[in-house]
Amino acid sequence: MLKKWEHVLHGIYGDFTCQICGKELILMSLKGGKNPDTVHFDHRTGRETIDGEGGPTHWLYGNCPNDENILKFKSCNFGILCNLCNRSIGSYKDRKARIGKMYKYSLLEGTI
C-alpha cells in the first residue's frame, strides 16, 4: 500500500529529505527493520488526527490514497525527519524545553 502513497507524498514534501539535517531519506518498509535512512513522520503538535500504534507509516499501509485519506494526511502537517533527528529533538510534549537546553549547552565554552 505504501507504494501507492509514494507519488502523493512526493507531491506534499517534494524530495524526502530530513527537515533538520538535510539527509536524503527513503520510505520505510514494514519488513525493512530499523533503517536509519527512512522517513520518520514527526508529530509536530500532538493534535494530529492520525496517531496510535505504529504511527503514520502504519496508517499509510492500512489506508488507500483516496481524496478523503489524502486530505486527512495533509491536515496533520507531519514533518519528515531522519531517525537521528527524530530521536534527538524529543517528543512534541517536551521539545521546546529540550531544544532550549541544547542551545544553552552549545553556548558553553569549555567551562567545568
N, C-alpha and C. Protein backbone atom coordinates (compact mmCIF):
# COMPACT_ATOMS: atom_id res chain seq x y z
N MET A 1 0.82 -1.21 0.00
CA MET A 1 0.00 0.00 0.00
C MET A 1 0.86 1.26 0.00
N LEU A 2 2.01 1.21 0.66
CA LEU A 2 2.85 2.41 0.75
C LEU A 2 3.31 2.87 -0.63
N LYS A 3 3.55 1.94 -1.53
CA LYS A 3 3.97 2.29 -2.88
C LYS A 3 2.92 3.18 -3.55
N LYS A 4 1.63 2.93 -3.26
CA LYS A 4 0.55 3.75 -3.82
C LYS A 4 0.58 5.18 -3.29
N TRP A 5 1.11 5.37 -2.10
CA TRP A 5 1.19 6.68 -1.48
C TRP A 5 2.42 7.48 -1.93
N GLU A 6 3.41 6.79 -2.49
CA GLU A 6 4.69 7.45 -2.77
C GLU A 6 4.53 8.71 -3.63
N HIS A 7 3.74 8.64 -4.69
CA HIS A 7 3.52 9.79 -5.56
C HIS A 7 2.85 10.94 -4.79
N VAL A 8 1.86 10.60 -3.99
CA VAL A 8 1.15 11.60 -3.19
C VAL A 8 2.11 12.28 -2.20
N LEU A 9 2.93 11.48 -1.53
CA LEU A 9 3.86 12.02 -0.54
C LEU A 9 4.93 12.90 -1.20
N HIS A 10 5.38 12.53 -2.39
CA HIS A 10 6.32 13.39 -3.12
C HIS A 10 5.63 14.72 -3.48
N GLY A 11 4.34 14.67 -3.77
CA GLY A 11 3.60 15.89 -4.06
C GLY A 11 3.49 16.81 -2.85
N ILE A 12 3.44 16.23 -1.67
CA ILE A 12 3.34 17.00 -0.43
C ILE A 12 4.71 17.54 -0.02
N TYR A 13 5.72 16.67 -0.02
CA TYR A 13 7.02 17.00 0.55
C TYR A 13 8.12 17.29 -0.47
N GLY A 14 7.89 16.97 -1.75
CA GLY A 14 8.99 17.04 -2.72
C GLY A 14 9.91 15.87 -2.48
N ASP A 15 11.21 16.12 -2.50
CA ASP A 15 12.16 15.05 -2.19
C ASP A 15 12.05 14.72 -0.71
N PHE A 16 12.36 13.47 -0.39
CA PHE A 16 12.35 13.05 1.01
C PHE A 16 13.70 13.38 1.63
N THR A 17 13.76 14.54 2.28
CA THR A 17 14.98 14.93 2.99
C THR A 17 14.60 15.34 4.41
N CYS A 18 15.47 15.03 5.34
CA CYS A 18 15.23 15.41 6.73
C CYS A 18 15.12 16.93 6.81
N GLN A 19 14.07 17.41 7.43
CA GLN A 19 13.83 18.85 7.51
C GLN A 19 14.71 19.54 8.55
N ILE A 20 15.56 18.77 9.23
CA ILE A 20 16.52 19.39 10.15
C ILE A 20 17.94 19.32 9.59
N CYS A 21 18.41 18.13 9.24
CA CYS A 21 19.81 17.99 8.82
C CYS A 21 19.99 17.89 7.31
N GLY A 22 18.92 17.69 6.55
CA GLY A 22 19.01 17.64 5.10
C GLY A 22 19.40 16.29 4.51
N LYS A 23 19.47 15.26 5.34
CA LYS A 23 19.83 13.92 4.86
C LYS A 23 18.76 13.40 3.91
N GLU A 24 19.18 12.76 2.81
CA GLU A 24 18.24 12.15 1.89
C GLU A 24 17.66 10.89 2.53
N LEU A 25 16.34 10.72 2.38
CA LEU A 25 15.64 9.63 3.04
C LEU A 25 14.86 8.78 2.03
N ILE A 26 14.45 7.59 2.48
CA ILE A 26 13.60 6.70 1.69
C ILE A 26 12.38 6.36 2.52
N LEU A 27 11.31 5.93 1.85
CA LEU A 27 10.12 5.49 2.58
C LEU A 27 10.42 4.15 3.25
N MET A 28 9.86 3.96 4.41
CA MET A 28 10.10 2.76 5.19
C MET A 28 9.29 1.58 4.67
N SER A 29 9.87 0.42 4.78
CA SER A 29 9.16 -0.82 4.53
C SER A 29 8.91 -1.46 5.88
N LEU A 30 7.71 -1.96 6.11
CA LEU A 30 7.43 -2.60 7.40
C LEU A 30 8.30 -3.83 7.59
N LYS A 31 8.79 -4.41 6.51
CA LYS A 31 9.65 -5.59 6.59
C LYS A 31 11.12 -5.22 6.66
N GLY A 32 11.42 -3.93 6.49
CA GLY A 32 12.80 -3.49 6.35
C GLY A 32 13.57 -3.28 7.63
N GLY A 33 12.94 -3.33 8.77
CA GLY A 33 13.65 -3.11 10.03
C GLY A 33 13.95 -1.65 10.28
N LYS A 34 14.91 -1.38 11.13
CA LYS A 34 15.25 -0.02 11.55
C LYS A 34 16.36 0.55 10.67
N ASN A 35 16.00 1.02 9.52
CA ASN A 35 16.95 1.64 8.61
C ASN A 35 17.08 3.11 9.00
N PRO A 36 18.29 3.60 9.28
CA PRO A 36 18.44 5.00 9.70
C PRO A 36 18.13 6.01 8.59
N ASP A 37 17.98 5.54 7.36
CA ASP A 37 17.72 6.43 6.24
C ASP A 37 16.25 6.51 5.87
N THR A 38 15.36 6.02 6.72
CA THR A 38 13.94 6.04 6.39
C THR A 38 13.27 7.31 6.92
N VAL A 39 12.19 7.69 6.26
CA VAL A 39 11.37 8.83 6.68
C VAL A 39 10.70 8.51 8.01
N HIS A 40 10.80 9.42 8.93
CA HIS A 40 10.04 9.36 10.18
C HIS A 40 9.09 10.54 10.17
N PHE A 41 7.78 10.25 10.10
CA PHE A 41 6.79 11.32 10.09
C PHE A 41 6.65 11.85 11.51
N ASP A 42 6.96 13.12 11.69
CA ASP A 42 7.02 13.72 13.02
C ASP A 42 5.72 14.40 13.40
N HIS A 43 5.20 14.04 14.57
CA HIS A 43 4.05 14.72 15.15
C HIS A 43 4.55 16.05 15.71
N ARG A 44 4.20 17.14 15.04
CA ARG A 44 4.70 18.45 15.45
C ARG A 44 3.97 19.03 16.65
N THR A 45 2.68 18.74 16.77
CA THR A 45 1.87 19.43 17.79
C THR A 45 1.18 18.51 18.78
N GLY A 46 0.97 17.25 18.42
CA GLY A 46 0.20 16.36 19.27
C GLY A 46 -1.29 16.42 18.99
N ARG A 47 -1.70 17.30 18.08
CA ARG A 47 -3.11 17.42 17.74
C ARG A 47 -3.45 16.73 16.41
N GLU A 48 -2.50 15.98 15.86
CA GLU A 48 -2.72 15.31 14.58
C GLU A 48 -3.80 14.24 14.73
N THR A 49 -4.59 14.09 13.69
CA THR A 49 -5.70 13.13 13.74
C THR A 49 -5.26 11.71 13.41
N ILE A 50 -4.06 11.54 12.91
CA ILE A 50 -3.51 10.21 12.65
C ILE A 50 -2.50 9.93 13.75
N ASP A 51 -2.78 8.93 14.54
CA ASP A 51 -1.92 8.59 15.66
C ASP A 51 -2.15 7.13 15.99
N GLY A 52 -1.55 6.67 17.05
CA GLY A 52 -1.80 5.32 17.51
C GLY A 52 -0.66 4.36 17.21
N GLU A 53 -0.93 3.09 17.40
CA GLU A 53 0.05 2.03 17.22
C GLU A 53 0.72 2.09 15.86
N GLY A 54 2.02 2.20 15.86
CA GLY A 54 2.76 2.20 14.60
C GLY A 54 2.87 3.55 13.94
N GLY A 55 2.07 4.51 14.34
CA GLY A 55 2.17 5.86 13.82
C GLY A 55 1.72 6.03 12.38
N PRO A 56 2.09 7.14 11.78
CA PRO A 56 1.62 7.50 10.44
C PRO A 56 1.98 6.49 9.35
N THR A 57 3.18 5.91 9.42
CA THR A 57 3.56 4.96 8.37
C THR A 57 2.63 3.76 8.36
N HIS A 58 2.30 3.24 9.52
CA HIS A 58 1.36 2.12 9.58
C HIS A 58 -0.02 2.54 9.09
N TRP A 59 -0.41 3.76 9.38
CA TRP A 59 -1.70 4.25 8.89
C TRP A 59 -1.69 4.27 7.36
N LEU A 60 -0.59 4.73 6.76
CA LEU A 60 -0.49 4.76 5.30
C LEU A 60 -0.64 3.36 4.72
N TYR A 61 -0.03 2.36 5.37
CA TYR A 61 -0.14 0.98 4.90
C TYR A 61 -1.57 0.48 4.92
N GLY A 62 -2.35 0.94 5.86
CA GLY A 62 -3.71 0.44 6.02
C GLY A 62 -4.79 1.26 5.33
N ASN A 63 -4.43 2.33 4.66
CA ASN A 63 -5.42 3.22 4.06
C ASN A 63 -5.03 3.58 2.63
N CYS A 64 -5.98 3.42 1.72
CA CYS A 64 -5.75 3.76 0.31
C CYS A 64 -5.63 5.28 0.16
N PRO A 65 -4.84 5.73 -0.81
CA PRO A 65 -4.71 7.18 -1.04
C PRO A 65 -5.89 7.74 -1.84
N ASN A 66 -7.08 7.73 -1.22
CA ASN A 66 -8.23 8.37 -1.86
C ASN A 66 -8.31 9.82 -1.39
N ASP A 67 -9.22 10.59 -1.95
CA ASP A 67 -9.30 12.03 -1.63
C ASP A 67 -9.45 12.28 -0.14
N GLU A 68 -10.31 11.51 0.53
CA GLU A 68 -10.55 11.71 1.96
C GLU A 68 -9.28 11.43 2.78
N ASN A 69 -8.59 10.34 2.47
CA ASN A 69 -7.39 9.99 3.23
C ASN A 69 -6.22 10.93 2.94
N ILE A 70 -6.13 11.39 1.71
CA ILE A 70 -5.07 12.35 1.37
C ILE A 70 -5.30 13.65 2.14
N LEU A 71 -6.54 14.12 2.18
CA LEU A 71 -6.87 15.34 2.93
C LEU A 71 -6.57 15.16 4.42
N LYS A 72 -6.92 14.00 4.96
CA LYS A 72 -6.66 13.72 6.37
C LYS A 72 -5.16 13.74 6.66
N PHE A 73 -4.36 13.10 5.79
CA PHE A 73 -2.92 13.08 5.99
C PHE A 73 -2.33 14.49 5.90
N LYS A 74 -2.74 15.24 4.88
CA LYS A 74 -2.23 16.61 4.72
C LYS A 74 -2.56 17.48 5.93
N SER A 75 -3.75 17.30 6.49
CA SER A 75 -4.19 18.13 7.62
C SER A 75 -3.32 17.92 8.86
N CYS A 76 -2.62 16.81 8.93
CA CYS A 76 -1.75 16.54 10.08
C CYS A 76 -0.46 17.35 10.03
N ASN A 77 -0.06 17.78 8.84
CA ASN A 77 1.14 18.60 8.68
C ASN A 77 2.36 17.96 9.36
N PHE A 78 2.54 16.64 9.12
CA PHE A 78 3.68 15.94 9.69
C PHE A 78 4.98 16.50 9.13
N GLY A 79 5.99 16.56 9.96
CA GLY A 79 7.33 16.83 9.47
C GLY A 79 7.94 15.52 9.01
N ILE A 80 9.02 15.59 8.24
CA ILE A 80 9.76 14.37 7.91
C ILE A 80 11.19 14.55 8.41
N LEU A 81 11.59 13.58 9.21
CA LEU A 81 12.90 13.61 9.85
C LEU A 81 13.62 12.29 9.66
N CYS A 82 14.94 12.32 9.76
CA CYS A 82 15.71 11.08 9.79
C CYS A 82 15.60 10.51 11.21
N ASN A 83 16.04 9.28 11.37
CA ASN A 83 15.96 8.62 12.66
C ASN A 83 16.71 9.40 13.74
N LEU A 84 17.92 9.84 13.44
CA LEU A 84 18.74 10.54 14.44
C LEU A 84 18.09 11.85 14.89
N CYS A 85 17.64 12.67 13.95
CA CYS A 85 17.00 13.94 14.32
C CYS A 85 15.69 13.70 15.06
N ASN A 86 14.93 12.70 14.62
CA ASN A 86 13.67 12.38 15.28
C ASN A 86 13.90 12.01 16.75
N ARG A 87 14.93 11.24 17.01
CA ARG A 87 15.25 10.84 18.38
C ARG A 87 15.86 11.97 19.17
N SER A 88 16.60 12.85 18.51
CA SER A 88 17.33 13.91 19.21
C SER A 88 16.43 15.02 19.75
N ILE A 89 15.38 15.36 19.02
CA ILE A 89 14.59 16.51 19.44
C ILE A 89 13.52 16.18 20.46
N GLY A 90 13.29 14.91 20.74
CA GLY A 90 12.30 14.53 21.73
C GLY A 90 10.88 14.64 21.20
N SER A 91 9.94 14.34 22.06
CA SER A 91 8.53 14.38 21.65
C SER A 91 8.03 15.82 21.64
N TYR A 92 6.92 16.03 21.00
CA TYR A 92 6.35 17.38 20.92
C TYR A 92 6.04 17.93 22.30
N LYS A 93 5.84 17.05 23.29
CA LYS A 93 5.46 17.49 24.63
C LYS A 93 6.59 18.26 25.33
N ASP A 94 7.83 17.82 25.12
CA ASP A 94 8.95 18.47 25.81
C ASP A 94 9.98 19.06 24.86
N ARG A 95 9.63 19.18 23.60
CA ARG A 95 10.58 19.57 22.56
C ARG A 95 11.19 20.95 22.78
N LYS A 96 10.37 21.95 23.05
CA LYS A 96 10.90 23.31 23.19
C LYS A 96 11.87 23.42 24.37
N ALA A 97 11.53 22.78 25.48
CA ALA A 97 12.42 22.81 26.63
C ALA A 97 13.72 22.08 26.32
N ARG A 98 13.62 20.96 25.66
CA ARG A 98 14.82 20.17 25.33
C ARG A 98 15.73 20.93 24.37
N ILE A 99 15.16 21.54 23.35
CA ILE A 99 15.97 22.30 22.39
C ILE A 99 16.58 23.52 23.07
N GLY A 100 15.84 24.15 23.98
CA GLY A 100 16.38 25.28 24.73
C GLY A 100 17.60 24.87 25.55
N LYS A 101 17.55 23.70 26.18
CA LYS A 101 18.69 23.21 26.95
C LYS A 101 19.86 22.89 26.03
N MET A 102 19.57 22.33 24.85
CA MET A 102 20.63 22.03 23.90
C MET A 102 21.31 23.33 23.44
N TYR A 103 20.50 24.35 23.21
CA TYR A 103 21.06 25.64 22.78
C TYR A 103 21.94 26.24 23.89
N LYS A 104 21.45 26.23 25.13
CA LYS A 104 22.25 26.77 26.24
C LYS A 104 23.56 26.00 26.37
N TYR A 105 23.49 24.68 26.22
CA TYR A 105 24.70 23.86 26.30
C TYR A 105 25.69 24.25 25.20
N SER A 106 25.18 24.53 24.00
CA SER A 106 26.07 24.86 22.88
C SER A 106 26.81 26.18 23.12
N LEU A 107 26.31 27.01 24.01
CA LEU A 107 26.96 28.31 24.30
C LEU A 107 28.10 28.19 25.29
N LEU A 108 28.18 27.06 26.00
CA LEU A 108 29.26 26.87 26.96
C LEU A 108 30.59 26.71 26.24
N GLU A 109 31.62 27.35 26.79
CA GLU A 109 32.93 27.31 26.13
C GLU A 109 33.96 26.64 27.02
N GLY A 110 33.83 25.36 27.19
CA GLY A 110 34.85 24.60 27.89
C GLY A 110 34.94 24.85 29.39
N THR A 111 33.91 25.41 30.01
CA THR A 111 33.96 25.65 31.46
C THR A 111 33.46 24.40 32.18
N ILE A 112 34.07 24.13 33.31
CA ILE A 112 33.66 23.00 34.15
C ILE A 112 33.34 23.50 35.54
